[in-house]
Amino acid sequence: MPYYIYRITQTGPIRQLSRITQFDVFKEASNEAKRLRRETDLPPGDAIKTIFAANELEAEDLLNQPPKEDFTTGEEY
């Protein structure tokens, strides 16, 4: 499965996803994402993300899912 690199632009409650590239090896994808974060002047709310998925559809579905809550903190832990 490939590693995809996306630029995420948050416009209110809607996320706009733009696929930048993909790699077969994590190290290459990670290095490219770090380079893009370092060299790109991202406006507030924008992000560069790397995601491991079977295809672009799955990658975009995973990126659009809300983050899972961390149940290991708080009063009930």
PDB file of N, CA and C in Angstrom:
ATOM      1  N   MET A   1       0.843  -1.180   0.000  1.00  0.00           N
ATOM      2  CA  MET A   1       0.000   0.000   0.000  1.00  0.00           C
ATOM      3  C   MET A   1       0.887   1.241   0.000  1.00  0.00           C
ATOM      4  N   PRO A   2       0.471   2.250  -0.739  1.00  0.00           N
ATOM      5  CA  PRO A   2       1.284   3.466  -0.823  1.00  0.00           C
ATOM      6  C   PRO A   2       1.032   4.448   0.318  1.00  0.00           C
ATOM      7  N   TYR A   3       1.956   5.360   0.457  1.00  0.00           N
ATOM      8  CA  TYR A   3       1.853   6.479   1.388  1.00  0.00           C
ATOM      9  C   TYR A   3       1.514   7.714   0.565  1.00  0.00           C
ATOM     10  N   TYR A   4       0.433   8.386   0.918  1.00  0.00           N
ATOM     11  CA  TYR A   4      -0.009   9.573   0.198  1.00  0.00           C
ATOM     12  C   TYR A   4       0.330  10.810   1.007  1.00  0.00           C
ATOM     13  N   ILE A   5       0.666  11.890   0.306  1.00  0.00           N
ATOM     14  CA  ILE A   5       0.885  13.181   0.956  1.00  0.00           C
ATOM     15  C   ILE A   5      -0.197  14.128   0.454  1.00  0.00           C
ATOM     16  N   TYR A   6      -0.915  14.733   1.407  1.00  0.00           N
ATOM     17  CA  TYR A   6      -2.008  15.648   1.106  1.00  0.00           C
ATOM     18  C   TYR A   6      -1.775  17.004   1.747  1.00  0.00           C
ATOM     19  N   ARG A   7      -2.274  18.026   1.073  1.00  0.00           N
ATOM     20  CA  ARG A   7      -2.373  19.357   1.681  1.00  0.00           C
ATOM     21  C   ARG A   7      -3.827  19.510   2.093  1.00  0.00           C
ATOM     22  N   ILE A   8      -4.040  19.853   3.364  1.00  0.00           N
ATOM     23  CA  ILE A   8      -5.388  19.995   3.902  1.00  0.00           C
ATOM     24  C   ILE A   8      -5.630  21.473   4.190  1.00  0.00           C
ATOM     25  N   THR A   9      -6.689  22.001   3.585  1.00  0.00           N
ATOM     26  CA  THR A   9      -7.095  23.386   3.808  1.00  0.00           C
ATOM     27  C   THR A   9      -8.437  23.366   4.521  1.00  0.00           C
ATOM     28  N   GLN A  10      -8.473  23.941   5.702  1.00  0.00           N
ATOM     29  CA  GLN A  10      -9.696  23.965   6.507  1.00  0.00           C
ATOM     30  C   GLN A  10     -10.453  25.254   6.201  1.00  0.00           C
ATOM     31  N   THR A  11     -11.657  25.135   5.633  1.00  0.00           N
ATOM     32  CA  THR A  11     -12.516  26.278   5.356  1.00  0.00           C
ATOM     33  C   THR A  11     -13.792  26.092   6.154  1.00  0.00           C
ATOM     34  N   GLY A  12     -13.828  26.690   7.352  1.00  0.00           N
ATOM     35  CA  GLY A  12     -14.962  26.465   8.241  1.00  0.00           C
ATOM     36  C   GLY A  12     -15.007  24.998   8.627  1.00  0.00           C
ATOM     37  N   PRO A  13     -16.177  24.364   8.516  1.00  0.00           N
ATOM     38  CA  PRO A  13     -16.271  22.942   8.880  1.00  0.00           C
ATOM     39  C   PRO A  13     -15.841  21.998   7.757  1.00  0.00           C
ATOM     40  N   ILE A  14     -15.505  22.544   6.593  1.00  0.00           N
ATOM     41  CA  ILE A  14     -15.179  21.720   5.425  1.00  0.00           C
ATOM     42  C   ILE A  14     -13.672  21.660   5.218  1.00  0.00           C
ATOM     43  N   ARG A  15     -13.182  20.438   4.997  1.00  0.00           N
ATOM     44  CA  ARG A  15     -11.766  20.232   4.679  1.00  0.00           C
ATOM     45  C   ARG A  15     -11.621  20.045   3.179  1.00  0.00           C
ATOM     46  N   GLN A  16     -10.719  20.808   2.583  1.00  0.00           N
ATOM     47  CA  GLN A  16     -10.393  20.623   1.173  1.00  0.00           C
ATOM     48  C   GLN A  16      -9.086  19.845   1.107  1.00  0.00           C
ATOM     49  N   LEU A  17      -9.105  18.697   0.441  1.00  0.00           N
ATOM     50  CA  LEU A  17      -7.937  17.828   0.349  1.00  0.00           C
ATOM     51  C   LEU A  17      -7.332  17.922  -1.049  1.00  0.00           C
ATOM     52  N   SER A  18      -6.030  18.142  -1.106  1.00  0.00           N
ATOM     53  CA  SER A  18      -5.313  18.188  -2.375  1.00  0.00           C
ATOM     54  C   SER A  18      -4.159  17.194  -2.312  1.00  0.00           C
ATOM     55  N   ARG A  19      -4.247  16.140  -3.127  1.00  0.00           N
ATOM     56  CA  ARG A  19      -3.164  15.151  -3.143  1.00  0.00           C
ATOM     57  C   ARG A  19      -1.953  15.764  -3.811  1.00  0.00           C
ATOM     58  N   ILE A  20      -0.825  15.651  -3.144  1.00  0.00           N
ATOM     59  CA  ILE A  20       0.419  16.195  -3.678  1.00  0.00           C
ATOM     60  C   ILE A  20       1.187  15.112  -4.423  1.00  0.00           C
ATOM     61  N   THR A  21       1.395  13.970  -3.754  1.00  0.00           N
ATOM     62  CA  THR A  21       2.155  12.880  -4.369  1.00  0.00           C
ATOM     63  C   THR A  21       1.947  11.605  -3.566  1.00  0.00           C
ATOM     64  N   GLN A  22       2.597  10.530  -3.995  1.00  0.00           N
ATOM     65  CA  GLN A  22       2.553   9.271  -3.250  1.00  0.00           C
ATOM     66  C   GLN A  22       3.901   8.580  -3.359  1.00  0.00           C
ATOM     67  N   PHE A  23       4.180   7.740  -2.356  1.00  0.00           N
ATOM     68  CA  PHE A  23       5.429   6.984  -2.288  1.00  0.00           C
ATOM     69  C   PHE A  23       5.124   5.555  -1.851  1.00  0.00           C
ATOM     70  N   ASP A  24       6.004   4.640  -2.217  1.00  0.00           N
ATOM     71  CA  ASP A  24       5.865   3.253  -1.778  1.00  0.00           C
ATOM     72  C   ASP A  24       6.619   2.984  -0.487  1.00  0.00           C
ATOM     73  N   VAL A  25       7.552   3.867  -0.130  1.00  0.00           N
ATOM     74  CA  VAL A  25       8.396   3.675   1.050  1.00  0.00           C
ATOM     75  C   VAL A  25       8.130   4.801   2.041  1.00  0.00           C
ATOM     76  N   PHE A  26       7.909   4.434   3.318  1.00  0.00           N
ATOM     77  CA  PHE A  26       7.565   5.432   4.337  1.00  0.00           C
ATOM     78  C   PHE A  26       8.639   6.499   4.500  1.00  0.00           C
ATOM     79  N   LYS A  27       9.894   6.091   4.534  1.00  0.00           N
ATOM     80  CA  LYS A  27      10.971   7.053   4.775  1.00  0.00           C
ATOM     81  C   LYS A  27      10.982   8.158   3.722  1.00  0.00           C
ATOM     82  N   GLU A  28      10.785   7.782   2.460  1.00  0.00           N
ATOM     83  CA  GLU A  28      10.745   8.778   1.387  1.00  0.00           C
ATOM     84  C   GLU A  28       9.545   9.715   1.555  1.00  0.00           C
ATOM     85  N   ALA A  29       8.380   9.147   1.883  1.00  0.00           N
ATOM     86  CA  ALA A  29       7.175   9.958   2.085  1.00  0.00           C
ATOM     87  C   ALA A  29       7.351  10.897   3.264  1.00  0.00           C
ATOM     88  N   SER A  30       7.913  10.398   4.344  1.00  0.00           N
ATOM     89  CA  SER A  30       8.127  11.205   5.539  1.00  0.00           C
ATOM     90  C   SER A  30       9.088  12.356   5.260  1.00  0.00           C
ATOM     91  N   ASN A  31      10.185  12.069   4.580  1.00  0.00           N
ATOM     92  CA  ASN A  31      11.158  13.114   4.254  1.00  0.00           C
ATOM     93  C   ASN A  31      10.553  14.188   3.354  1.00  0.00           C
ATOM     94  N   GLU A  32       9.744  13.778   2.385  1.00  0.00           N
ATOM     95  CA  GLU A  32       9.115  14.747   1.491  1.00  0.00           C
ATOM     96  C   GLU A  32       8.089  15.601   2.244  1.00  0.00           C
ATOM     97  N   ALA A  33       7.307  14.990   3.112  1.00  0.00           N
ATOM     98  CA  ALA A  33       6.322  15.752   3.896  1.00  0.00           C
ATOM     99  C   ALA A  33       7.021  16.761   4.801  1.00  0.00           C
ATOM    100  N   LYS A  34       8.107  16.353   5.420  1.00  0.00           N
ATOM    101  CA  LYS A  34       8.868  17.274   6.283  1.00  0.00           C
ATOM    102  C   LYS A  34       9.450  18.426   5.462  1.00  0.00           C
ATOM    103  N   ARG A  35       9.967  18.113   4.277  1.00  0.00           N
ATOM    104  CA  ARG A  35      10.506  19.161   3.407  1.00  0.00           C
ATOM    105  C   ARG A  35       9.415  20.145   3.003  1.00  0.00           C
ATOM    106  N   LEU A  36       8.248  19.629   2.629  1.00  0.00           N
ATOM    107  CA  LEU A  36       7.140  20.499   2.233  1.00  0.00           C
ATOM    108  C   LEU A  36       6.685  21.390   3.389  1.00  0.00           C
ATOM    109  N   ARG A  37       6.612  20.840   4.583  1.00  0.00           N
ATOM    110  CA  ARG A  37       6.215  21.642   5.752  1.00  0.00           C
ATOM    111  C   ARG A  37       7.227  22.753   6.017  1.00  0.00           C
ATOM    112  N   ARG A  38       8.487  22.433   5.823  1.00  0.00           N
ATOM    113  CA  ARG A  38       9.568  23.383   6.093  1.00  0.00           C
ATOM    114  C   ARG A  38       9.620  24.485   5.036  1.00  0.00           C
ATOM    115  N   GLU A  39       9.427  24.123   3.763  1.00  0.00           N
ATOM    116  CA  GLU A  39       9.640  25.061   2.665  1.00  0.00           C
ATOM    117  C   GLU A  39       8.372  25.757   2.174  1.00  0.00           C
ATOM    118  N   THR A  40       7.208  25.275   2.567  1.00  0.00           N
ATOM    119  CA  THR A  40       5.955  25.870   2.119  1.00  0.00           C
ATOM    120  C   THR A  40       5.434  26.818   3.187  1.00  0.00           C
ATOM    121  N   ASP A  41       5.040  28.000   2.763  1.00  0.00           N
ATOM    122  CA  ASP A  41       4.472  28.980   3.686  1.00  0.00           C
ATOM    123  C   ASP A  41       2.971  28.709   3.793  1.00  0.00           C
ATOM    124  N   LEU A  42       2.592  27.863   4.762  1.00  0.00           N
ATOM    125  CA  LEU A  42       1.198  27.475   4.929  1.00  0.00           C
ATOM    126  C   LEU A  42       0.436  28.513   5.745  1.00  0.00           C
ATOM    127  N   PRO A  43      -0.745  28.902   5.283  1.00  0.00           N
ATOM    128  CA  PRO A  43      -1.566  29.798   6.092  1.00  0.00           C
ATOM    129  C   PRO A  43      -2.093  29.064   7.332  1.00  0.00           C
ATOM    130  N   PRO A  44      -2.516  29.801   8.356  1.00  0.00           N
ATOM    131  CA  PRO A  44      -3.072  29.143   9.548  1.00  0.00           C
ATOM    132  C   PRO A  44      -4.253  28.253   9.176  1.00  0.00           C
ATOM    133  N   GLY A  45      -4.284  27.081   9.752  1.00  0.00           N
ATOM    134  CA  GLY A  45      -5.356  26.123   9.471  1.00  0.00           C
ATOM    135  C   GLY A  45      -5.018  25.121   8.385  1.00  0.00           C
ATOM    136  N   ASP A  46      -3.976  25.372   7.595  1.00  0.00           N
ATOM    137  CA  ASP A  46      -3.562  24.426   6.562  1.00  0.00           C
ATOM    138  C   ASP A  46      -2.535  23.460   7.137  1.00  0.00           C
ATOM    139  N   ALA A  47      -2.457  22.270   6.544  1.00  0.00           N
ATOM    140  CA  ALA A  47      -1.517  21.258   7.028  1.00  0.00           C
ATOM    141  C   ALA A  47      -1.076  20.371   5.875  1.00  0.00           C
ATOM    142  N   ILE A  48       0.092  19.776   6.038  1.00  0.00           N
ATOM    143  CA  ILE A  48       0.605  18.742   5.136  1.00  0.00           C
ATOM    144  C   ILE A  48       0.575  17.444   5.933  1.00  0.00           C
ATOM    145  N   LYS A  49      -0.110  16.424   5.407  1.00  0.00           N
ATOM    146  CA  LYS A  49      -0.254  15.151   6.119  1.00  0.00           C
ATOM    147  C   LYS A  49       0.175  13.989   5.240  1.00  0.00           C
ATOM    148  N   THR A  50       0.748  12.979   5.882  1.00  0.00           N
ATOM    149  CA  THR A  50       1.086  11.723   5.223  1.00  0.00           C
ATOM    150  C   THR A  50       0.119  10.664   5.729  1.00  0.00           C
ATOM    151  N   ILE A  51      -0.418   9.859   4.825  1.00  0.00           N
ATOM    152  CA  ILE A  51      -1.389   8.828   5.219  1.00  0.00           C
ATOM    153  C   ILE A  51      -1.099   7.539   4.448  1.00  0.00           C
ATOM    154  N   PHE A  52      -1.233   6.419   5.143  1.00  0.00           N
ATOM    155  CA  PHE A  52      -1.018   5.090   4.574  1.00  0.00           C
ATOM    156  C   PHE A  52      -2.388   4.503   4.251  1.00  0.00           C
ATOM    157  N   ALA A  53      -2.642   4.210   2.969  1.00  0.00           N
ATOM    158  CA  ALA A  53      -3.957   3.697   2.581  1.00  0.00           C
ATOM    159  C   ALA A  53      -3.842   2.854   1.314  1.00  0.00           C
ATOM    160  N   ALA A  54      -4.869   2.044   1.081  1.00  0.00           N
ATOM    161  CA  ALA A  54      -4.880   1.168  -0.088  1.00  0.00           C
ATOM    162  C   ALA A  54      -5.027   1.953  -1.386  1.00  0.00           C
ATOM    163  N   ASN A  55      -5.771   3.072  -1.330  1.00  0.00           N
ATOM    164  CA  ASN A  55      -5.983   3.894  -2.524  1.00  0.00           C
ATOM    165  C   ASN A  55      -6.338   5.317  -2.105  1.00  0.00           C
ATOM    166  N   GLU A  56      -6.505   6.196  -3.087  1.00  0.00           N
ATOM    167  CA  GLU A  56      -6.794   7.601  -2.792  1.00  0.00           C
ATOM    168  C   GLU A  56      -8.131   7.773  -2.080  1.00  0.00           C
ATOM    169  N   LEU A  57      -9.123   6.995  -2.469  1.00  0.00           N
ATOM    170  CA  LEU A  57     -10.444   7.090  -1.843  1.00  0.00           C
ATOM    171  C   LEU A  57     -10.363   6.788  -0.352  1.00  0.00           C
ATOM    172  N   GLU A  58      -9.661   5.720   0.002  1.00  0.00           N
ATOM    173  CA  GLU A  58      -9.500   5.374   1.417  1.00  0.00           C
ATOM    174  C   GLU A  58      -8.698   6.451   2.153  1.00  0.00           C
ATOM    175  N   ALA A  59      -7.658   6.969   1.518  1.00  0.00           N
ATOM    176  CA  ALA A  59      -6.837   8.012   2.136  1.00  0.00           C
ATOM    177  C   ALA A  59      -7.685   9.243   2.452  1.00  0.00           C
ATOM    178  N   GLU A  60      -8.504   9.672   1.501  1.00  0.00           N
ATOM    179  CA  GLU A  60      -9.333  10.850   1.726  1.00  0.00           C
ATOM    180  C   GLU A  60     -10.415  10.588   2.759  1.00  0.00           C
ATOM    181  N   ASP A  61     -10.949   9.375   2.779  1.00  0.00           N
ATOM    182  CA  ASP A  61     -11.932   9.018   3.798  1.00  0.00           C
ATOM    183  C   ASP A  61     -11.301   9.086   5.184  1.00  0.00           C
ATOM    184  N   LEU A  62     -10.103   8.542   5.340  1.00  0.00           N
ATOM    185  CA  LEU A  62      -9.420   8.572   6.631  1.00  0.00           C
ATOM    186  C   LEU A  62      -9.084  10.002   7.060  1.00  0.00           C
ATOM    187  N   LEU A  63      -8.674  10.834   6.121  1.00  0.00           N
ATOM    188  CA  LEU A  63      -8.327  12.219   6.450  1.00  0.00           C
ATOM    189  C   LEU A  63      -9.556  13.049   6.831  1.00  0.00           C
ATOM    190  N   ASN A  64     -10.728  12.664   6.339  1.00  0.00           N
ATOM    191  CA  ASN A  64     -11.947  13.405   6.648  1.00  0.00           C
ATOM    192  C   ASN A  64     -12.627  12.950   7.935  1.00  0.00           C
ATOM    193  N   GLN A  65     -12.181  11.843   8.503  1.00  0.00           N
ATOM    194  CA  GLN A  65     -12.782  11.377   9.749  1.00  0.00           C
ATOM    195  C   GLN A  65     -12.335  12.260  10.910  1.00  0.00           C
ATOM    196  N   PRO A  66     -13.266  12.547  11.837  1.00  0.00           N
ATOM    197  CA  PRO A  66     -12.868  13.358  13.001  1.00  0.00           C
ATOM    198  C   PRO A  66     -11.882  12.573  13.865  1.00  0.00           C
ATOM    199  N   PRO A  67     -10.992  13.280  14.563  1.00  0.00           N
ATOM    200  CA  PRO A  67     -10.037  12.570  15.423  1.00  0.00           C
ATOM    201  C   PRO A  67     -10.761  11.823  16.531  1.00  0.00           C
ATOM    202  N   LYS A  68     -10.222  10.668  16.896  1.00  0.00           N
ATOM    203  CA  LYS A  68     -10.810   9.872  17.974  1.00  0.00           C
ATOM    204  C   LYS A  68     -10.482  10.503  19.311  1.00  0.00           C
ATOM    205  N   GLU A  69     -11.428  10.414  20.229  1.00  0.00           N
ATOM    206  CA  GLU A  69     -11.213  10.973  21.565  1.00  0.00           C
ATOM    207  C   GLU A  69     -10.219  10.110  22.336  1.00  0.00           C
ATOM    208  N   ASP A  70      -9.436  10.754  23.175  1.00  0.00           N
ATOM    209  CA  ASP A  70      -8.492  10.042  24.023  1.00  0.00           C
ATOM    210  C   ASP A  70      -9.175   9.778  25.363  1.00  0.00           C
ATOM    211  N   PHE A  71      -9.539   8.539  25.610  1.00  0.00           N
ATOM    212  CA  PHE A  71     -10.264   8.186  26.821  1.00  0.00           C
ATOM    213  C   PHE A  71      -9.344   7.899  28.004  1.00  0.00           C
ATOM    214  N   THR A  72      -8.045   8.109  27.845  1.00  0.00           N
ATOM    215  CA  THR A  72      -7.116   7.824  28.950  1.00  0.00           C
ATOM    216  C   THR A  72      -6.896   9.041  29.844  1.00  0.00           C
ATOM    217  N   THR A  73      -7.615  10.119  29.582  1.00  0.00           N
ATOM    218  CA  THR A  73      -7.484  11.303  30.436  1.00  0.00           C
ATOM    219  C   THR A  73      -8.848  11.710  30.948  1.00  0.00           C
ATOM    220  N   GLY A  74      -8.851  12.552  31.922  1.00  0.00           N
ATOM    221  CA  GLY A  74     -10.106  13.053  32.461  1.00  0.00           C
ATOM    222  C   GLY A  74     -10.486  12.368  33.763  1.00  0.00           C
ATOM    223  N   GLU A  75     -11.661  12.676  34.226  1.00  0.00           N
ATOM    224  CA  GLU A  75     -12.127  12.179  35.522  1.00  0.00           C
ATOM    225  C   GLU A  75     -12.388  10.670  35.519  1.00  0.00           C
ATOM    226  N   GLU A  76     -12.784  10.121  34.399  1.00  0.00           N
ATOM    227  CA  GLU A  76     -13.170   8.714  34.359  1.00  0.00           C
ATOM    228  C   GLU A  76     -11.994   7.775  34.179  1.00  0.00           C
ATOM    229  N   TYR A  77     -10.809   8.278  34.031  1.00  0.00           N
ATOM    230  CA  TYR A  77      -9.655   7.417  33.802  1.00  0.00           C
ATOM    231  C   TYR A  77      -9.151   6.840  35.076  1.00  0.00           C
TER     232      TYR A  77
END
